[in-house]
C-alpha atoms as a PDB file:
ATOM      1  CA  UNK A   1     144.426 124.271  -1.247  1.00  0.00           C
ATOM      2  CA  UNK A   2     145.420 122.526  -4.488  1.00  0.00           C
ATOM      3  CA  UNK A   3     145.520 125.816  -6.442  1.00  0.00           C
ATOM      4  CA  UNK A   4     141.871 126.716  -5.760  1.00  0.00           C
ATOM      5  CA  UNK A   5     140.897 130.266  -4.873  1.00  0.00           C
ATOM      6  CA  UNK A   6     138.867 130.885  -1.734  1.00  0.00           C
ATOM      7  CA  UNK A   7     135.754 131.564  -3.847  1.00  0.00           C
ATOM      8  CA  UNK A   8     136.197 128.299  -5.750  1.00  0.00           C
ATOM      9  CA  UNK A   9     136.723 126.365  -2.515  1.00  0.00           C
ATOM     10  CA  UNK A  10     133.528 127.847  -1.098  1.00  0.00           C
ATOM     11  CA  UNK A  11     131.613 126.797  -4.215  1.00  0.00           C
ATOM     12  CA  UNK A  12     133.116 123.289  -4.023  1.00  0.00           C
ATOM     13  CA  UNK A  13     132.108 122.856  -0.392  1.00  0.00           C
ATOM     14  CA  UNK A  14     128.602 124.192  -1.063  1.00  0.00           C
ATOM     15  CA  UNK A  15     128.001 121.893  -4.055  1.00  0.00           C
ATOM     16  CA  UNK A  16     129.576 118.877  -2.337  1.00  0.00           C
ATOM     17  CA  UNK A  17     127.517 119.671   0.724  1.00  0.00           C
ATOM     18  CA  UNK A  18     124.369 119.728  -1.383  1.00  0.00           C
ATOM     19  CA  UNK A  19     125.423 116.452  -2.997  1.00  0.00           C
ATOM     20  CA  UNK A  20     125.737 115.145   0.544  1.00  0.00           C
ATOM     21  CA  UNK A  21     122.181 116.348   1.225  1.00  0.00           C
ATOM     22  CA  UNK A  22     120.907 114.227  -1.685  1.00  0.00           C
ATOM     23  CA  UNK A  23     122.719 111.212  -0.236  1.00  0.00           C
ATOM     24  CA  UNK A  24     121.415 112.194   3.203  1.00  0.00           C
ATOM     25  CA  UNK A  25     117.831 112.068   1.899  1.00  0.00           C
ATOM     26  CA  UNK A  26     118.265 108.512   0.598  1.00  0.00           C
ATOM     27  CA  UNK A  27     120.039 107.450   3.795  1.00  0.00           C
ATOM     28  CA  UNK A  28     117.368 109.059   5.967  1.00  0.00           C
ATOM     29  CA  UNK A  29     114.422 107.499   4.138  1.00  0.00           C
ATOM     30  CA  UNK A  30     116.115 104.088   4.265  1.00  0.00           C
ATOM     31  CA  UNK A  31     117.034 104.533   7.919  1.00  0.00           C
ATOM     32  CA  UNK A  32     113.558 105.763   8.885  1.00  0.00           C
ATOM     33  CA  UNK A  33     112.030 102.561   7.574  1.00  0.00           C
ATOM     34  CA  UNK A  34     114.673 100.492   9.312  1.00  0.00           C
ATOM     35  CA  UNK A  35     114.354 102.470  12.552  1.00  0.00           C
ATOM     36  CA  UNK A  36     110.659 101.628  12.612  1.00  0.00           C
ATOM     37  CA  UNK A  37     111.260  97.923  11.928  1.00  0.00           C
ATOM     38  CA  UNK A  38     114.464  97.391  13.911  1.00  0.00           C
ATOM     39  CA  UNK A  39     114.029 100.078  16.568  1.00  0.00           C
ATOM     40  CA  UNK A  40     110.345  99.575  17.309  1.00  0.00           C
ATOM     41  CA  UNK A  41     109.987  95.841  16.592  1.00  0.00           C
ATOM     42  CA  UNK A  42     113.503  94.495  17.149  1.00  0.00           C
ATOM     43  CA  UNK A  43     113.435  92.738  13.749  1.00  0.00           C
ATOM     44  CA  UNK A  44     116.718  92.636  11.813  1.00  0.00           C
ATOM     45  CA  UNK A  45     115.509  92.988   8.219  1.00  0.00           C
ATOM     46  CA  UNK A  46     118.452  92.165   5.955  1.00  0.00           C
ATOM     47  CA  UNK A  47     116.165  92.479   2.916  1.00  0.00           C
ATOM     48  CA  UNK A  48     115.482  96.157   3.618  1.00  0.00           C
ATOM     49  CA  UNK A  49     117.789  97.257   0.794  1.00  0.00           C
ATOM     50  CA  UNK A  50     115.856  95.114  -1.680  1.00  0.00           C
ATOM     51  CA  UNK A  51     112.694  97.048  -0.830  1.00  0.00           C
ATOM     52  CA  UNK A  52     114.580 100.192  -1.912  1.00  0.00           C
ATOM     53  CA  UNK A  53     115.450  98.415  -5.159  1.00  0.00           C
ATOM     54  CA  UNK A  54     111.817  97.389  -5.649  1.00  0.00           C
ATOM     55  CA  UNK A  55     110.679 100.982  -5.139  1.00  0.00           C
ATOM     56  CA  UNK A  56     113.263 102.144  -7.683  1.00  0.00           C
ATOM     57  CA  UNK A  57     112.132  99.568 -10.264  1.00  0.00           C
ATOM     58  CA  UNK A  58     108.461 100.519  -9.734  1.00  0.00           C
ATOM     59  CA  UNK A  59     109.442 104.157 -10.350  1.00  0.00           C
ATOM     60  CA  UNK A  60     111.245 103.108 -13.523  1.00  0.00           C
ATOM     61  CA  UNK A  61     108.197 101.171 -14.741  1.00  0.00           C
ATOM     62  CA  UNK A  62     105.927 104.174 -14.157  1.00  0.00           C
ATOM     63  CA  UNK A  63     108.435 106.407 -15.955  1.00  0.00           C
ATOM     64  CA  UNK A  64     108.382 104.052 -18.945  1.00  0.00           C
ATOM     65  CA  UNK A  65     104.588 104.256 -18.996  1.00  0.00           C
ATOM     66  CA  UNK A  66     104.744 108.029 -18.705  1.00  0.00           C
ATOM     67  CA  UNK A  67     107.267 108.544 -21.493  1.00  0.00           C
ATOM     68  CA  UNK A  68     106.572 105.733 -23.971  1.00  0.00           C
ATOM     69  CA  UNK A  69     103.014 104.435 -23.656  1.00  0.00           C
ATOM     70  CA  UNK A  70     101.023 107.306 -22.106  1.00  0.00           C
ATOM     71  CA  UNK A  71     102.797 110.531 -23.125  1.00  0.00           C
ATOM     72  CA  UNK A  72     100.200 112.648 -21.313  1.00  0.00           C
ATOM     73  CA  UNK A  73     101.755 111.443 -18.039  1.00  0.00           C
ATOM     74  CA  UNK A  74     105.228 112.687 -18.939  1.00  0.00           C
ATOM     75  CA  UNK A  75     105.130 115.776 -16.696  1.00  0.00           C
ATOM     76  CA  UNK A  76     103.126 114.333 -13.793  1.00  0.00           C
ATOM     77  CA  UNK A  77     104.299 110.744 -13.538  1.00  0.00           C
ATOM     78  CA  UNK A  78     106.939 111.188 -10.820  1.00  0.00           C
ATOM     79  CA  UNK A  79     104.570 111.954  -7.904  1.00  0.00           C
ATOM     80  CA  UNK A  80     102.431 109.036  -9.132  1.00  0.00           C
ATOM     81  CA  UNK A  81     105.569 106.869  -9.191  1.00  0.00           C
ATOM     82  CA  UNK A  82     106.360 107.764  -5.568  1.00  0.00           C
ATOM     83  CA  UNK A  83     102.855 106.714  -4.495  1.00  0.00           C
ATOM     84  CA  UNK A  84     103.123 103.513  -6.559  1.00  0.00           C
ATOM     85  CA  UNK A  85     106.543 102.700  -5.023  1.00  0.00           C
ATOM     86  CA  UNK A  86     105.167 103.193  -1.509  1.00  0.00           C
ATOM     87  CA  UNK A  87     102.040 101.137  -2.229  1.00  0.00           C
ATOM     88  CA  UNK A  88     103.890  98.245  -3.871  1.00  0.00           C
ATOM     89  CA  UNK A  89     106.528  97.908  -1.153  1.00  0.00           C
ATOM     90  CA  UNK A  90     103.933  98.411   1.611  1.00  0.00           C
ATOM     91  CA  UNK A  91     101.827  95.523   0.282  1.00  0.00           C
ATOM     92  CA  UNK A  92     104.841  93.237  -0.100  1.00  0.00           C
ATOM     93  CA  UNK A  93     106.045  94.150   3.397  1.00  0.00           C
ATOM     94  CA  UNK A  94     102.598  93.363   4.788  1.00  0.00           C
ATOM     95  CA  UNK A  95     102.649  89.921   3.143  1.00  0.00           C
ATOM     96  CA  UNK A  96     106.217  89.199   4.298  1.00  0.00           C
ATOM     97  CA  UNK A  97     105.287  89.976   7.904  1.00  0.00           C
ATOM     98  CA  UNK A  98     102.070  87.966   7.639  1.00  0.00           C
ATOM     99  CA  UNK A  99     103.616  84.802   6.237  1.00  0.00           C
ATOM    100  CA  UNK A 100     107.236  84.880   7.468  1.00  0.00           C
ATOM    101  CA  UNK A 101     108.273  87.452  10.073  1.00  0.00           C
ATOM    102  CA  UNK A 102     105.447  86.792  12.544  1.00  0.00           C
ATOM    103  CA  UNK A 103     106.662  83.214  12.902  1.00  0.00           C
ATOM    104  CA  UNK A 104     110.154  84.374  13.923  1.00  0.00           C
ATOM    105  CA  UNK A 105     109.591  86.954  16.670  1.00  0.00           C
ATOM    106  CA  UNK A 106     112.031  86.653  19.603  1.00  0.00           C
ATOM    107  CA  UNK A 107     114.357  84.635  17.349  1.00  0.00           C
ATOM    108  CA  UNK A 108     116.742  87.349  16.036  1.00  0.00           C
ATOM    109  CA  UNK A 109     119.239  84.993  14.410  1.00  0.00           C
ATOM    110  CA  UNK A 110     116.502  83.120  12.535  1.00  0.00           C
ATOM    111  CA  UNK A 111     114.970  86.437  11.453  1.00  0.00           C
ATOM    112  CA  UNK A 112     118.346  87.650  10.180  1.00  0.00           C
ATOM    113  CA  UNK A 113     118.914  84.482   8.145  1.00  0.00           C
ATOM    114  CA  UNK A 114     115.342  84.425   6.800  1.00  0.00           C
ATOM    115  CA  UNK A 115     115.408  88.054   5.652  1.00  0.00           C
ATOM    116  CA  UNK A 116     118.903  87.589   4.188  1.00  0.00           C
ATOM    117  CA  UNK A 117     117.544  84.693   2.145  1.00  0.00           C
ATOM    118  CA  UNK A 118     114.534  86.802   1.139  1.00  0.00           C
ATOM    119  CA  UNK A 119     116.932  89.497  -0.065  1.00  0.00           C
ATOM    120  CA  UNK A 120     118.776  86.984  -2.263  1.00  0.00           C
ATOM    121  CA  UNK A 121     115.460  85.766  -3.705  1.00  0.00           C
ATOM    122  CA  UNK A 122     114.391  89.338  -4.479  1.00  0.00           C
ATOM    123  CA  UNK A 123     117.750  90.096  -6.128  1.00  0.00           C
ATOM    124  CA  UNK A 124     117.386  87.085  -8.395  1.00  0.00           C
ATOM    125  CA  UNK A 125     113.795  88.061  -9.182  1.00  0.00           C
ATOM    126  CA  UNK A 126     114.988  91.549 -10.187  1.00  0.00           C
ATOM    127  CA  UNK A 127     117.740  90.030 -12.318  1.00  0.00           C
ATOM    128  CA  UNK A 128     115.283  87.699 -14.038  1.00  0.00           C
ATOM    129  CA  UNK A 129     112.553  90.293 -14.487  1.00  0.00           C
ATOM    130  CA  UNK A 130     114.523  93.425 -15.384  1.00  0.00           C
ATOM    131  CA  UNK A 131     117.850  92.035 -16.546  1.00  0.00           C
ATOM    132  CA  UNK A 132     121.332  92.351 -15.033  1.00  0.00           C
ATOM    133  CA  UNK A 133     121.989  95.827 -16.464  1.00  0.00           C
ATOM    134  CA  UNK A 134     121.185  99.007 -14.611  1.00  0.00           C
ATOM    135  CA  UNK A 135     118.217 101.107 -15.707  1.00  0.00           C
ATOM    136  CA  UNK A 136     117.746 104.866 -15.486  1.00  0.00           C
ATOM    137  CA  UNK A 137     114.589 106.904 -15.052  1.00  0.00           C
ATOM    138  CA  UNK A 138     113.715 109.641 -17.550  1.00  0.00           C
ATOM    139  CA  UNK A 139     113.054 112.600 -15.284  1.00  0.00           C
ATOM    140  CA  UNK A 140     110.298 115.089 -16.199  1.00  0.00           C
ATOM    141  CA  UNK A 141     111.371 118.504 -17.440  1.00  0.00           C
ATOM    142  CA  UNK A 142     110.569 120.285 -14.168  1.00  0.00           C
ATOM    143  CA  UNK A 143     113.092 118.074 -12.335  1.00  0.00           C
ATOM    144  CA  UNK A 144     115.872 118.877 -14.807  1.00  0.00           C
ATOM    145  CA  UNK A 145     118.200 121.822 -14.660  1.00  0.00           C
ATOM    146  CA  UNK A 146     119.438 123.688 -11.630  1.00  0.00           C
ATOM    147  CA  UNK A 147     119.077 126.810  -9.546  1.00  0.00           C
ATOM    148  CA  UNK A 148     122.108 129.119  -9.574  1.00  0.00           C
ATOM    149  CA  UNK A 149     122.229 131.404  -6.509  1.00  0.00           C
ATOM    150  CA  UNK A 150     125.654 132.663  -7.704  1.00  0.00           C
ATOM    151  CA  UNK A 151     127.696 132.483 -10.900  1.00  0.00           C
ATOM    152  CA  UNK A 152     129.693 129.451  -9.749  1.00  0.00           C
ATOM    153  CA  UNK A 153     127.152 127.540  -7.628  1.00  0.00           C
ATOM    154  CA  UNK A 154     124.525 125.314  -9.290  1.00  0.00           C
ATOM    155  CA  UNK A 155     122.030 123.418  -7.138  1.00  0.00           C
ATOM    156  CA  UNK A 156     120.123 120.672  -9.041  1.00  0.00           C
ATOM    157  CA  UNK A 157     116.331 120.820  -9.014  1.00  0.00           C
ATOM    158  CA  UNK A 158     115.939 117.072  -8.506  1.00  0.00           C
ATOM    159  CA  UNK A 159     117.943 117.287  -5.282  1.00  0.00           C
ATOM    160  CA  UNK A 160     115.702 120.083  -3.980  1.00  0.00           C
ATOM    161  CA  UNK A 161     112.609 118.018  -4.808  1.00  0.00           C
ATOM    162  CA  UNK A 162     113.983 114.947  -2.997  1.00  0.00           C
ATOM    163  CA  UNK A 163     114.760 117.096   0.042  1.00  0.00           C
ATOM    164  CA  UNK A 164     111.151 118.307   0.092  1.00  0.00           C
ATOM    165  CA  UNK A 165     109.795 114.745  -0.137  1.00  0.00           C
ATOM    166  CA  UNK A 166     112.159 113.608   2.637  1.00  0.00           C
ATOM    167  CA  UNK A 167     111.093 116.468   4.903  1.00  0.00           C
ATOM    168  CA  UNK A 168     107.387 115.669   4.599  1.00  0.00           C
ATOM    169  CA  UNK A 169     107.933 111.900   4.995  1.00  0.00           C
ATOM    170  CA  UNK A 170     110.041 112.464   8.135  1.00  0.00           C
ATOM    171  CA  UNK A 171     107.484 114.875   9.573  1.00  0.00           C
ATOM    172  CA  UNK A 172     104.677 112.420   8.827  1.00  0.00           C
ATOM    173  CA  UNK A 173     106.495 109.531  10.520  1.00  0.00           C
ATOM    174  CA  UNK A 174     107.225 111.644  13.609  1.00  0.00           C
ATOM    175  CA  UNK A 175     103.573 112.702  13.880  1.00  0.00           C
ATOM    176  CA  UNK A 176     102.406 109.135  13.306  1.00  0.00           C
ATOM    177  CA  UNK A 177     104.668 107.716  16.025  1.00  0.00           C
ATOM    178  CA  UNK A 178     104.315 110.392  18.686  1.00  0.00           C
ATOM    179  CA  UNK A 179     100.992 112.176  18.057  1.00  0.00           C
ATOM    180  CA  UNK A 180      98.595 109.448  16.921  1.00  0.00           C
ATOM    181  CA  UNK A 181      96.703 106.560  18.512  1.00  0.00           C
ATOM    182  CA  UNK A 182      98.588 104.130  16.301  1.00  0.00           C
ATOM    183  CA  UNK A 183     101.905 105.488  17.575  1.00  0.00           C
ATOM    184  CA  UNK A 184     100.758 104.936  21.164  1.00  0.00           C
ATOM    185  CA  UNK A 185      99.886 101.343  20.286  1.00  0.00           C
ATOM    186  CA  UNK A 186     103.291 100.803  18.644  1.00  0.00           C
ATOM    187  CA  UNK A 187     105.192 102.143  21.644  1.00  0.00           C
ATOM    188  CA  UNK A 188     103.018 100.188  24.067  1.00  0.00           C
ATOM    189  CA  UNK A 189     103.633  96.976  22.109  1.00  0.00           C
ATOM    190  CA  UNK A 190     107.376  97.690  22.029  1.00  0.00           C
ATOM    191  CA  UNK A 191     107.663  98.300  25.770  1.00  0.00           C
ATOM    192  CA  UNK A 192     105.408  95.498  27.056  1.00  0.00           C
ATOM    193  CA  UNK A 193     103.696  93.223  24.554  1.00  0.00           C
ATOM    194  CA  UNK A 194     101.818  91.170  27.168  1.00  0.00           C
ATOM    195  CA  UNK A 195     100.401  94.252  28.864  1.00  0.00           C
ATOM    196  CA  UNK A 196      99.460  95.765  25.482  1.00  0.00           C
ATOM    197  CA  UNK A 197      97.525  92.589  24.659  1.00  0.00           C
ATOM    198  CA  UNK A 198      95.828  92.735  28.056  1.00  0.00           C
ATOM    199  CA  UNK A 199      94.819  96.347  27.338  1.00  0.00           C
ATOM    200  CA  UNK A 200      92.991  95.240  24.193  1.00  0.00           C
ATOM    201  CA  UNK A 201      95.609  96.235  21.599  1.00  0.00           C
ATOM    202  CA  UNK A 202      95.779  93.908  18.612  1.00  0.00           C
ATOM    203  CA  UNK A 203      99.557  93.549  18.656  1.00  0.00           C
ATOM    204  CA  UNK A 204      99.636  91.314  15.575  1.00  0.00           C
ATOM    205  CA  UNK A 205      97.914  94.019  13.530  1.00  0.00           C
ATOM    206  CA  UNK A 206     100.293  96.641  14.950  1.00  0.00           C
ATOM    207  CA  UNK A 207     103.316  94.502  14.008  1.00  0.00           C
ATOM    208  CA  UNK A 208     101.999  93.929  10.503  1.00  0.00           C
ATOM    209  CA  UNK A 209     101.296  97.578   9.818  1.00  0.00           C
ATOM    210  CA  UNK A 210     104.605  98.697  11.379  1.00  0.00           C
ATOM    211  CA  UNK A 211     106.662  96.329   9.238  1.00  0.00           C
ATOM    212  CA  UNK A 212     104.700  97.266   6.112  1.00  0.00           C
ATOM    213  CA  UNK A 213     105.149 100.982   6.797  1.00  0.00           C
ATOM    214  CA  UNK A 214     108.905 100.572   7.201  1.00  0.00           C
ATOM    215  CA  UNK A 215     109.081  98.712   3.879  1.00  0.00           C
ATOM    216  CA  UNK A 216     106.882 101.351   2.226  1.00  0.00           C
ATOM    217  CA  UNK A 217     109.238 104.145   3.320  1.00  0.00           C
ATOM    218  CA  UNK A 218     112.141 102.132   1.865  1.00  0.00           C
ATOM    219  CA  UNK A 219     110.186 102.077  -1.405  1.00  0.00           C
ATOM    220  CA  UNK A 220     109.962 105.890  -1.316  1.00  0.00           C
ATOM    221  CA  UNK A 221     113.728 105.928  -0.740  1.00  0.00           C
ATOM    222  CA  UNK A 222     114.051 103.874  -3.939  1.00  0.00           C
ATOM    223  CA  UNK A 223     111.983 106.433  -5.849  1.00  0.00           C
ATOM    224  CA  UNK A 224     114.222 109.209  -4.505  1.00  0.00           C
ATOM    225  CA  UNK A 225     117.320 107.189  -5.396  1.00  0.00           C
ATOM    226  CA  UNK A 226     116.349 107.115  -9.081  1.00  0.00           C
ATOM    227  CA  UNK A 227     116.838 110.892  -9.290  1.00  0.00           C
ATOM    228  CA  UNK A 228     120.546 110.644  -8.425  1.00  0.00           C
ATOM    229  CA  UNK A 229     121.692 107.275  -9.816  1.00  0.00           C
ATOM    230  CA  UNK A 230     120.729 104.292 -11.965  1.00  0.00           C
ATOM    231  CA  UNK A 231     119.194 101.118 -10.519  1.00  0.00           C
ATOM    232  CA  UNK A 232     120.428  97.528 -10.726  1.00  0.00           C
ATOM    233  CA  UNK A 233     119.462  94.222  -9.067  1.00  0.00           C
ATOM    234  CA  UNK A 234     121.973  94.704  -6.224  1.00  0.00           C
ATOM    235  CA  UNK A 235     121.547  98.456  -5.687  1.00  0.00           C
ATOM    236  CA  UNK A 236     119.849  98.152  -2.305  1.00  0.00           C
ATOM    237  CA  UNK A 237     122.471  95.833  -0.846  1.00  0.00           C
ATOM    238  CA  UNK A 238     125.092  98.577  -1.309  1.00  0.00           C
ATOM    239  CA  UNK A 239     123.297 100.745   1.251  1.00  0.00           C
ATOM    240  CA  UNK A 240     122.144  98.245   3.869  1.00  0.00           C
ATOM    241  CA  UNK A 241     125.348  98.402   5.989  1.00  0.00           C
ATOM    242  CA  UNK A 242     125.300 102.222   6.036  1.00  0.00           C
ATOM    243  CA  UNK A 243     121.611 102.163   6.943  1.00  0.00           C
ATOM    244  CA  UNK A 244     122.051  99.810   9.891  1.00  0.00           C
ATOM    245  CA  UNK A 245     125.006 101.887  11.060  1.00  0.00           C
ATOM    246  CA  UNK A 246     122.906 105.072  10.908  1.00  0.00           C
ATOM    247  CA  UNK A 247     120.138 103.517  12.993  1.00  0.00           C
ATOM    248  CA  UNK A 248     122.529 102.100  15.609  1.00  0.00           C
ATOM    249  CA  UNK A 249     124.677 105.266  15.691  1.00  0.00           C
ATOM    250  CA  UNK A 250     121.665 107.528  16.129  1.00  0.00           C
ATOM    251  CA  UNK A 251     120.092 105.298  18.745  1.00  0.00           C
ATOM    252  CA  UNK A 252     117.540 102.608  17.980  1.00  0.00           C
ATOM    253  CA  UNK A 253     113.922 103.851  18.023  1.00  0.00           C
ATOM    254  CA  UNK A 254     115.051 107.511  18.024  1.00  0.00           C
ATOM    255  CA  UNK A 255     113.767 109.521  15.048  1.00  0.00           C
ATOM    256  CA  UNK A 256     115.919 112.531  15.988  1.00  0.00           C
ATOM    257  CA  UNK A 257     118.971 110.304  16.325  1.00  0.00           C
ATOM    258  CA  UNK A 258     118.302 108.803  12.897  1.00  0.00           C
ATOM    259  CA  UNK A 259     118.106 112.269  11.303  1.00  0.00           C
ATOM    260  CA  UNK A 260     121.294 113.539  12.966  1.00  0.00           C
ATOM    261  CA  UNK A 261     123.216 110.331  12.252  1.00  0.00           C
ATOM    262  CA  UNK A 262     122.155 110.214   8.581  1.00  0.00           C
ATOM    263  CA  UNK A 263     123.094 113.871   8.080  1.00  0.00           C
ATOM    264  CA  UNK A 264     126.526 113.492   9.679  1.00  0.00           C
ATOM    265  CA  UNK A 265     127.481 110.308   7.826  1.00  0.00           C
ATOM    266  CA  UNK A 266     126.204 111.510   4.431  1.00  0.00           C
ATOM    267  CA  UNK A 267     127.918 114.910   4.667  1.00  0.00           C
ATOM    268  CA  UNK A 268     131.200 113.413   5.870  1.00  0.00           C
ATOM    269  CA  UNK A 269     131.288 110.897   3.025  1.00  0.00           C
ATOM    270  CA  UNK A 270     130.294 113.423   0.356  1.00  0.00           C
ATOM    271  CA  UNK A 271     132.840 116.098   1.296  1.00  0.00           C
ATOM    272  CA  UNK A 272     135.713 113.658   1.841  1.00  0.00           C
ATOM    273  CA  UNK A 273     135.015 111.946  -1.504  1.00  0.00           C
ATOM    274  CA  UNK A 274     136.087 115.137  -3.277  1.00  0.00           C
ATOM    275  CA  UNK A 275     139.544 115.043  -1.684  1.00  0.00           C
ATOM    276  CA  UNK A 276     139.947 111.270  -1.270  1.00  0.00           C
ATOM    277  CA  UNK A 277     138.725 108.158  -3.063  1.00  0.00           C
ATOM    278  CA  UNK A 278     135.174 107.022  -2.385  1.00  0.00           C
ATOM    279  CA  UNK A 279     136.299 103.858  -0.602  1.00  0.00           C
ATOM    280  CA  UNK A 280     138.755 105.731   1.616  1.00  0.00           C
ATOM    281  CA  UNK A 281     136.100 108.307   2.541  1.00  0.00           C
ATOM    282  CA  UNK A 282     133.752 105.509   3.566  1.00  0.00           C
ATOM    283  CA  UNK A 283     136.468 103.727   5.572  1.00  0.00           C
ATOM    284  CA  UNK A 284     137.325 106.899   7.517  1.00  0.00           C
ATOM    285  CA  UNK A 285     133.666 107.707   8.161  1.00  0.00           C
ATOM    286  CA  UNK A 286     132.802 104.208   9.350  1.00  0.00           C
ATOM    287  CA  UNK A 287     135.937 104.033  11.517  1.00  0.00           C
ATOM    288  CA  UNK A 288     134.983 107.254  13.306  1.00  0.00           C
ATOM    289  CA  UNK A 289     131.407 106.007  13.819  1.00  0.00           C
ATOM    290  CA  UNK A 290     132.604 102.652  15.188  1.00  0.00           C
ATOM    291  CA  UNK A 291     135.015 104.454  17.526  1.00  0.00           C
ATOM    292  CA  UNK A 292     132.193 106.623  18.900  1.00  0.00           C
ATOM    293  CA  UNK A 293     129.968 103.552  19.344  1.00  0.00           C
ATOM    294  CA  UNK A 294     132.710 101.881  21.391  1.00  0.00           C
ATOM    295  CA  UNK A 295     132.552 104.842  23.773  1.00  0.00           C
ATOM    296  CA  UNK A 296     128.765 105.278  23.629  1.00  0.00           C
ATOM    297  CA  UNK A 297     127.246 101.914  22.564  1.00  0.00           C
ATOM    298  CA  UNK A 298     123.646 103.085  23.120  1.00  0.00           C
ATOM    299  CA  UNK A 299     124.012 105.618  20.275  1.00  0.00           C
ATOM    300  CA  UNK A 300     123.745 109.391  20.172  1.00  0.00           C
ATOM    301  CA  UNK A 301     120.132 109.589  21.343  1.00  0.00           C
ATOM    302  CA  UNK A 302     119.302 106.546  23.435  1.00  0.00           C
ATOM    303  CA  UNK A 303     115.625 105.910  24.148  1.00  0.00           C
ATOM    304  CA  UNK A 304     114.605 105.973  27.788  1.00  0.00           C
ATOM    305  CA  UNK A 305     113.044 102.665  28.801  1.00  0.00           C
ATOM    306  CA  UNK A 306     111.122 102.261  32.048  1.00  0.00           C
ATOM    307  CA  UNK A 307     112.302  99.200  33.921  1.00  0.00           C
END
């Protein structure tokens, strides 16, 4: 194919596949947050991408502190930056739900317009605060370089680290939703809000924490994003359509569906981008996903709802 030997083609597919895994991690973290907000609460958060951008900018700020102002943080700042990104976006998400989203429940169109407007406000705030140019994080030395299992295959260390973070975040969310008292309260509120209130569950507190958690996970996605690309004011908006598609394709409120959908879409785009243009790869991928949704509109893993 194109003059490549079989060994070179194998190396290309392996490295492109690993590049797809890095994109998969960002997609999955974004989609996990959105699956919690959209799948569990039914809220269409069009500003979800801006929470990724906020997490990325917080990571950049911590990296500047760790490399310029407090040099002793240079080798340890990135885990601190991930925690800071989660905390900052969690707090903002909590405030957004408290003062805006809670007033718009059961009004999906109004929620969509309100969060779209919030996204525009956040973009302008990023542009005013950080400038229109993209910024890049200075990665610590232990995230640089690569691991070479063979002479022609190099796997970047930052991608392996992001995969580890994504694995533990996904595992934590699954345990939180399906093995904890809070998860029971979330699912009870989702299925029958009136009955959950009658059972003594503070549904307003559940909603607030659920929305904040989804935004916090988007912030972690922003921190992960800084390891593979630079960040600008509109970075998050470039991923919001893919993220919604992943959640709908996998099946709303299905963690397993979100994982499978994110993996399939990210790998398909990454491998096809080597042989086609990036835009054409995305068009083909999205066309296939839309075609499958026309046949199976409930998604790959539809949640069972008791009627």
